[in-house]
Amino acid sequence: MAAEDPHILVVDDNERLRELYSLWLRPDHEVSTAADGSAALDALADGIEVVLLDREMPGLSGIEVARAIDESEHDPFVVMVSSMPPDFDLIEYPVDDYLQKPVGEADVRDVVETYRAQCEYLAAVDELFALMAKVATIEANHDEDELEANDEYVRLRVRLEEKRTEVYGDLLEAKPDWEATFRAVARDVGSTDMASVDAGVDLPNGFG
């Protein structure tokens, strides 16, 4: 994931909607458009970070495009846009968010802000993991007296506690989006072995 001012791809066979979404987004973002699924997949090579993807299109459907994106080397934030209400089949779709038509300007802008917030959160998570790994490594090689006597280690622990509070505090404040955030964290972190970087940092109640 990237962060500030993402490059957005609007995919819809309806030209009026492509133009409308682009109009809403272009004051603040670079926007590309595609009229069908094949063109959308070709456009991914241009560094697309967010995809607004129409579900019902001739040729490749939005679902087929989402699956093709998921199997590709690219990893944009995919937002399915559809006149159909989301149902249980959404569980199987490799998408990050869902908008039901009719879609307003606030809806489109909000979903891009969700992506940006996740990017900022993931950056904080990366920093937290790095601090945890440093603390774990130092603590494995020094006894308690040495640690308490070392000012740099003490400052590192303070930074770790501050970053932990920031990360978990942001997560708790954004409860409606916590599942989407966890999905993004899991995709970004992959196979990180949390046990190896535990460093005595406990999760807040409800997260452990």
Foldseek 3Di string as FASTA:
>chain_A
DAAAQFEEEEEALDPVVLVVLCVLRVVGHHYHYHNDLVVVVVCVVVRGAEYEAEQDDPDQGSQNSQVVCVPDPDDHQYEYEYCDDDDPCVVVGNHLYYHHPPDDSVNSVVVSVVVNVLNVLLVLVVVLLVLLLVLLVVPVPDDPVVQVPDPVNVVSVVVNVVSLCVNLVVLVVPVVCNVSSVVVNCVVVPPDDCVSRVSVDDDPPPPD
